[in-house]
Protein backbone atom coordinates (compact mmCIF):
# COMPACT_ATOMS: atom_id res chain seq x y z
CA GLY A 1 14.39 -6.01 21.70
CA TYR A 2 14.86 -4.38 18.36
CA ASN A 3 17.63 -5.91 16.27
CA LYS A 4 17.93 -4.59 12.71
CA THR A 5 20.18 -7.51 11.71
CA ILE A 6 17.32 -9.94 12.36
CA MET A 7 14.37 -7.81 11.16
CA LYS A 8 14.84 -7.22 7.44
CA LYS A 9 12.82 -5.32 4.89
CA LEU A 10 10.19 -7.56 3.33
CA LYS A 11 8.29 -7.41 0.03
CA ILE A 12 4.88 -9.02 0.37
CA ASN A 13 1.97 -9.21 -2.09
CA ILE A 14 -1.21 -7.85 -0.49
CA LYS A 15 -4.62 -8.88 -1.83
CA THR A 16 -7.04 -5.94 -2.00
CA ASP A 17 -10.48 -5.30 -3.47
CA TYR A 18 -8.63 -3.86 -6.51
CA GLY A 19 -6.13 -6.63 -7.12
CA ILE A 20 -2.82 -7.74 -5.66
CA PHE A 21 -0.13 -5.17 -4.88
CA GLU A 22 3.45 -5.65 -3.76
CA CYS A 23 4.04 -3.72 -0.55
CA VAL A 24 7.32 -3.07 1.24
CA PHE A 25 7.42 -3.73 5.00
CA GLU A 26 10.35 -2.07 6.72
CA PRO A 27 10.98 -2.69 10.42
CA ASP A 28 11.37 0.23 12.80
CA GLU A 29 11.92 0.25 16.55
CA VAL A 30 8.35 -0.82 17.38
CA GLY A 31 6.74 -2.31 14.28
CA TYR A 32 6.67 -2.08 10.48
CA VAL A 33 6.39 0.91 8.16
CA VAL A 34 4.54 -0.04 4.97
CA THR A 35 4.75 1.53 1.51
CA CYS A 36 3.41 0.45 -1.87
CA PRO A 37 5.61 1.62 -4.75
CA SER A 38 2.90 1.08 -7.39
CA VAL A 39 0.24 3.20 -5.63
CA GLU A 40 1.30 6.77 -4.91
CA GLY A 41 0.54 7.97 -1.40
CA VAL A 42 0.45 4.63 0.39
CA VAL A 43 2.23 4.82 3.73
CA SER A 44 1.04 2.93 6.78
CA TRP A 45 2.31 1.23 9.93
CA GLY A 46 1.56 -1.79 12.12
CA LYS A 47 2.89 -2.93 15.50
CA ASN A 48 3.54 -6.39 14.04
CA LEU A 49 3.56 -7.97 10.59
CA SER A 50 -0.04 -9.19 10.80
CA GLU A 51 -1.36 -5.74 11.72
CA ALA A 52 0.89 -4.09 9.13
CA LYS A 53 -0.59 -6.32 6.39
CA LYS A 54 -4.14 -5.31 7.37
CA MET A 55 -3.15 -1.64 7.43
CA ALA A 56 -1.43 -1.99 4.03
CA LYS A 57 -4.62 -3.42 2.47
CA GLU A 58 -6.66 -0.56 3.88
CA ALA A 59 -4.15 2.10 2.79
CA VAL A 60 -3.94 0.77 -0.78
CA GLU A 61 -7.73 0.63 -1.12
CA LEU A 62 -8.20 4.13 0.32
CA CYS A 63 -5.55 5.65 -1.95
CA ILE A 64 -7.11 4.02 -5.02
CA GLU A 65 -10.59 5.21 -4.02
CA ALA A 66 -9.29 8.75 -3.42
CA LYS A 67 -7.62 8.79 -6.85
CA VAL A 68 -10.83 7.56 -8.51
CA GLN A 69 -12.83 10.36 -6.87
CA GLU A 70 -10.17 12.92 -7.80
CA ASN A 71 -10.28 11.83 -11.44
CA ILE A 72 -14.09 11.87 -11.55
CA GLY A 73 -13.94 15.47 -10.31
CA LYS A 74 -11.56 16.32 -13.15
CA GLY A 75 -13.83 14.69 -15.74
CA LYS A 76 -11.43 11.82 -16.33
CA ALA A 77 -12.16 8.10 -16.44
CA ALA A 78 -13.36 6.65 -13.19
CA ARG A 79 -11.84 3.20 -13.66
CA PRO A 80 -8.25 2.67 -12.61
CA VAL A 81 -5.98 0.62 -14.84
CA ILE A 82 -3.88 -1.53 -12.57
CA GLY A 83 -0.57 -2.79 -13.87
CA ASN A 84 2.91 -2.00 -12.64
CA ARG A 85 1.64 1.41 -11.56
CA LEU A 86 -1.87 2.71 -10.89
CA THR A 87 -3.00 4.87 -13.83
CA PHE A 88 -6.30 6.15 -15.22
CA ARG A 89 -7.58 6.20 -18.79
């Protein structure tokens, strides 16, 4: 069963097509909720850690791609600058 004292929040680096991002994996009653503090909008979930990692990679990549398209539409630079936080120049 679910035991919060055993399942702790984890910080794991996830390799994506756009670089490596630290994601936070927080256990809930049936899996892991995933966020990525450096990429706004990333929230995902997986029934186990392996699935949560795959979902995190996909969520990070989709959020970056959406931001690129949004910036192109605004006439801004299309290339993201990836550091501590995702920004555009």
